[in-house]
Amino acid sequence: MGDLKIDYQGLPGLVEKEGRQARARRGRKGRFRRPLLRLVRWCAVTTVLAVLPFFVLVRGGVEAYHAWGLGPWLSLGVGASASALLLAIYAWVGSWKLGASAGTRRLLRRGAWSVGLAWVIYALVYVAGANVKGEEVRAEYRSLHPLIRVAASAVFVLDGETGMTDAGRSPEDYRLMGLLVNEASLHFPQDDSFVHALDLRTRGRREWRNQGLAMAFWLFGFHTLRHRGTADHLHLSLRLPR
């Protein structure tokens, strides 16, 4: 036992070799991980930049309506102006990144404003048949408050399966449903002549999508309530200014 010896001469080389192999494995993993992280980051930033103009448009209008007591159209104008400013910033940053000339930058800004204005007009006057329960509900679309229309249209862009089930109502509608007439219902035309409530379909949809739908309108500044009485639906409303 006294003659037993251990040769350590090759140990440093073995440790160094194992270290090189470990670094190589980490390097291979990093080569795959870094592009994946960049892709995830790019998708997240792109999504936020795409959604932000809609959010500024609707939430800005809702805040102007509630905080300043502006009328429906003036409130929408405030939100649209804020969204147009954001789009102009997008155009300016994009043209600067591309090294565009001053004339091209002006053209891009005007193009961004034109696209934003065209979408607002579209949202105010049109709703696709796929997003309504029937032609009767579709005919009620223009009776909705302008801010509800642009908010609903924005959600329809993000979730094409969302559908309106009810908008304006009359006392007779409540009687047909076997309910007491609610004189304070925001489904009735208000003093500004617009309906301030809208019902959206939740049946036949995954619950996480319904929760996301409610969250989107809550972030826009609307009051949301899940109704399960006569039929499962999401009720959203724009409260009246104080």
Foldseek 3Di string as FASTA:
>chain_A
DVPDDDDCPCVVVVVVVVVVVVVVVVVVVCVVVVVVVVVVVVVVVVVCLVCVLLLQQLLQLLCCCAVVVDDLVVSNVRSLVRSLVSLLVVLQVVCVVVVHDPVVSVVSSVVSNVVSVVLLVCLQPDDDPQAEPDVVQRVLSNLARSSVSSLVVSVCVVPVNKHWYAAADDCVVCVVLVHHDDPPQLSHQDPSRHRFKTKIDDPPDDVVVVVVVCVSVVSSPWDWDFDPPSHTIIMTGRDHHD
